[in-house]
Amino acid sequence: MAGIALTQPFVPRWEPAGLHENQAWWQQWAFHVVRMPLLGLIISRAAMLATWPLLAFNFREVALPGSVVKVLALPAMPFIMAGTLASSLVGLVSTPAGQLIGWFV
């Protein structure tokens, strides 16, 4: 959290100032499609850089592509979390059914 908080002044404030209502729809759409993954990458990299010394000290290695993988996996996280919740709740009633849902998740 400290790494993210310390990098907030350096995160670009991208506003669609160059976009107008008379521009094509795809230009406004492209702005948001490009902006969101880049912001996610910047924030993820800030968190990784803040914990980098601890990771290197404790595990003797640091996964550099980790922040890129996080940004790519982020859209799937709500489905994974909901599926895990469903698996655990069904598993309370029937262990085999819970395991089956868990395998699908």
C-alpha atoms as a PDB file:
ATOM      1  CA  MET A   1       0.000   0.000   0.000  1.00  0.00           C
ATOM      2  CA  ALA A   2       2.839   2.371   0.745  1.00  0.00           C
ATOM      3  CA  GLY A   3       4.324   1.811  -2.712  1.00  0.00           C
ATOM      4  CA  ILE A   4       1.018   2.636  -4.369  1.00  0.00           C
ATOM      5  CA  ALA A   5       0.480   5.681  -2.170  1.00  0.00           C
ATOM      6  CA  LEU A   6       3.976   7.017  -2.814  1.00  0.00           C
ATOM      7  CA  THR A   7       3.629   6.720  -6.589  1.00  0.00           C
ATOM      8  CA  GLN A   8       0.270   8.502  -6.837  1.00  0.00           C
ATOM      9  CA  PRO A   9       1.861  11.901  -7.603  1.00  0.00           C
ATOM     10  CA  PHE A  10       3.663  10.304 -10.558  1.00  0.00           C
ATOM     11  CA  VAL A  11       0.642   8.538 -12.069  1.00  0.00           C
ATOM     12  CA  PRO A  12      -0.397  10.463 -15.193  1.00  0.00           C
ATOM     13  CA  ARG A  13      -3.759  12.193 -15.122  1.00  0.00           C
ATOM     14  CA  TRP A  14      -5.054  11.129 -18.503  1.00  0.00           C
ATOM     15  CA  GLU A  15      -8.158  13.039 -19.349  1.00  0.00           C
ATOM     16  CA  PRO A  16      -9.807  12.766 -22.725  1.00  0.00           C
ATOM     17  CA  ALA A  17      -9.114  16.488 -23.358  1.00  0.00           C
ATOM     18  CA  GLY A  18      -8.428  15.875 -27.021  1.00  0.00           C
ATOM     19  CA  LEU A  19     -11.661  13.935 -27.476  1.00  0.00           C
ATOM     20  CA  HIS A  20     -14.723  15.792 -28.640  1.00  0.00           C
ATOM     21  CA  GLU A  21     -18.288  14.755 -29.274  1.00  0.00           C
ATOM     22  CA  ASN A  22     -17.831  15.113 -33.016  1.00  0.00           C
ATOM     23  CA  GLN A  23     -15.023  12.542 -33.117  1.00  0.00           C
ATOM     24  CA  ALA A  24     -15.569   8.953 -34.096  1.00  0.00           C
ATOM     25  CA  TRP A  25     -16.837   6.540 -31.452  1.00  0.00           C
ATOM     26  CA  TRP A  26     -13.777   4.326 -31.787  1.00  0.00           C
ATOM     27  CA  GLN A  27     -11.420   7.140 -30.752  1.00  0.00           C
ATOM     28  CA  GLN A  28     -13.174   7.579 -27.420  1.00  0.00           C
ATOM     29  CA  TRP A  29     -13.359   3.811 -26.964  1.00  0.00           C
ATOM     30  CA  ALA A  30      -9.663   3.348 -27.834  1.00  0.00           C
ATOM     31  CA  PHE A  31      -8.687   5.968 -25.248  1.00  0.00           C
ATOM     32  CA  HIS A  32     -10.308   3.980 -22.447  1.00  0.00           C
ATOM     33  CA  VAL A  33      -9.114   0.606 -23.751  1.00  0.00           C
ATOM     34  CA  VAL A  34      -5.500   1.801 -23.705  1.00  0.00           C
ATOM     35  CA  ARG A  35      -5.697   3.828 -20.496  1.00  0.00           C
ATOM     36  CA  MET A  36      -7.054   1.182 -18.128  1.00  0.00           C
ATOM     37  CA  PRO A  37      -4.409  -1.550 -18.694  1.00  0.00           C
ATOM     38  CA  LEU A  38      -1.635   1.033 -18.524  1.00  0.00           C
ATOM     39  CA  LEU A  39      -2.891   2.392 -15.208  1.00  0.00           C
ATOM     40  CA  GLY A  40      -3.183  -1.145 -13.890  1.00  0.00           C
ATOM     41  CA  LEU A  41       0.369  -1.867 -14.986  1.00  0.00           C
ATOM     42  CA  ILE A  42       1.692   1.300 -13.324  1.00  0.00           C
ATOM     43  CA  ILE A  43      -0.064   0.568 -10.024  1.00  0.00           C
ATOM     44  CA  SER A  44       0.945  -3.093 -10.066  1.00  0.00           C
ATOM     45  CA  ARG A  45       4.559  -2.176 -10.786  1.00  0.00           C
ATOM     46  CA  ALA A  46       4.529   0.329  -7.901  1.00  0.00           C
ATOM     47  CA  ALA A  47       3.334  -2.339  -5.464  1.00  0.00           C
ATOM     48  CA  MET A  48       5.926  -4.791  -6.759  1.00  0.00           C
ATOM     49  CA  LEU A  49       8.780  -2.305  -6.486  1.00  0.00           C
ATOM     50  CA  ALA A  50       7.821  -1.518  -2.890  1.00  0.00           C
ATOM     51  CA  THR A  51       7.962  -5.193  -1.905  1.00  0.00           C
ATOM     52  CA  TRP A  52      10.890  -6.094  -4.135  1.00  0.00           C
ATOM     53  CA  PRO A  53      13.583  -5.924  -1.418  1.00  0.00           C
ATOM     54  CA  LEU A  54      11.578  -8.193   0.908  1.00  0.00           C
ATOM     55  CA  LEU A  55      10.905 -10.708  -1.858  1.00  0.00           C
ATOM     56  CA  ALA A  56      14.531 -10.754  -2.921  1.00  0.00           C
ATOM     57  CA  PHE A  57      15.744 -11.172   0.652  1.00  0.00           C
ATOM     58  CA  ASN A  58      13.306 -13.925   1.652  1.00  0.00           C
ATOM     59  CA  PHE A  59      13.016 -15.931  -1.565  1.00  0.00           C
ATOM     60  CA  ARG A  60      16.280 -15.045  -3.333  1.00  0.00           C
ATOM     61  CA  GLU A  61      14.366 -14.272  -6.543  1.00  0.00           C
ATOM     62  CA  VAL A  62      11.877 -11.787  -7.968  1.00  0.00           C
ATOM     63  CA  ALA A  63       9.470 -12.521 -10.834  1.00  0.00           C
ATOM     64  CA  LEU A  64       9.735  -9.531 -13.156  1.00  0.00           C
ATOM     65  CA  PRO A  65       6.800 -10.432 -15.446  1.00  0.00           C
ATOM     66  CA  GLY A  66       4.563 -10.740 -12.380  1.00  0.00           C
ATOM     67  CA  SER A  67       2.941  -7.317 -12.756  1.00  0.00           C
ATOM     68  CA  VAL A  68       2.124  -7.916 -16.431  1.00  0.00           C
ATOM     69  CA  VAL A  69       0.543 -11.252 -15.561  1.00  0.00           C
ATOM     70  CA  LYS A  70      -1.486  -9.568 -12.796  1.00  0.00           C
ATOM     71  CA  VAL A  71      -2.920  -7.039 -15.236  1.00  0.00           C
ATOM     72  CA  LEU A  72      -3.848  -9.788 -17.694  1.00  0.00           C
ATOM     73  CA  ALA A  73      -5.437 -11.976 -14.995  1.00  0.00           C
ATOM     74  CA  LEU A  74      -7.328  -9.156 -13.303  1.00  0.00           C
ATOM     75  CA  PRO A  75     -10.510  -9.393 -15.459  1.00  0.00           C
ATOM     76  CA  ALA A  76     -10.916 -13.070 -14.492  1.00  0.00           C
ATOM     77  CA  MET A  77     -10.596 -12.491 -10.738  1.00  0.00           C
ATOM     78  CA  PRO A  78     -14.284 -11.762  -9.956  1.00  0.00           C
ATOM     79  CA  PHE A  79     -15.315 -15.028 -11.641  1.00  0.00           C
ATOM     80  CA  ILE A  80     -12.603 -16.976  -9.851  1.00  0.00           C
ATOM     81  CA  MET A  81     -13.581 -15.511  -6.480  1.00  0.00           C
ATOM     82  CA  ALA A  82     -17.305 -16.149  -7.037  1.00  0.00           C
ATOM     83  CA  GLY A  83     -16.577 -19.694  -8.190  1.00  0.00           C
ATOM     84  CA  THR A  84     -14.407 -20.337  -5.157  1.00  0.00           C
ATOM     85  CA  LEU A  85     -17.181 -19.069  -2.886  1.00  0.00           C
ATOM     86  CA  ALA A  86     -19.711 -21.317  -4.627  1.00  0.00           C
ATOM     87  CA  SER A  87     -17.348 -24.285  -4.340  1.00  0.00           C
ATOM     88  CA  SER A  88     -16.846 -23.751  -0.617  1.00  0.00           C
ATOM     89  CA  LEU A  89     -20.563 -23.297   0.103  1.00  0.00           C
ATOM     90  CA  VAL A  90     -21.559 -26.365  -1.912  1.00  0.00           C
ATOM     91  CA  GLY A  91     -18.664 -28.256  -0.303  1.00  0.00           C
ATOM     92  CA  LEU A  92     -20.237 -27.705   3.109  1.00  0.00           C
ATOM     93  CA  VAL A  93     -23.232 -29.746   1.981  1.00  0.00           C
ATOM     94  CA  SER A  94     -21.571 -32.219  -0.382  1.00  0.00           C
ATOM     95  CA  THR A  95     -17.814 -32.624  -0.584  1.00  0.00           C
ATOM     96  CA  PRO A  96     -17.761 -34.320  -4.027  1.00  0.00           C
ATOM     97  CA  ALA A  97     -20.013 -31.626  -5.531  1.00  0.00           C
ATOM     98  CA  GLY A  98     -17.839 -28.915  -4.018  1.00  0.00           C
ATOM     99  CA  GLN A  99     -14.743 -30.534  -5.474  1.00  0.00           C
ATOM    100  CA  LEU A 100     -16.401 -30.763  -8.887  1.00  0.00           C
ATOM    101  CA  ILE A 101     -17.197 -27.040  -8.845  1.00  0.00           C
ATOM    102  CA  GLY A 102     -13.663 -26.367  -7.638  1.00  0.00           C
ATOM    103  CA  TRP A 103     -12.215 -28.230 -10.630  1.00  0.00           C
ATOM    104  CA  PHE A 104     -14.311 -26.126 -13.003  1.00  0.00           C
ATOM    105  CA  VAL A 105     -13.168 -22.938 -11.327  1.00  0.00           C
END
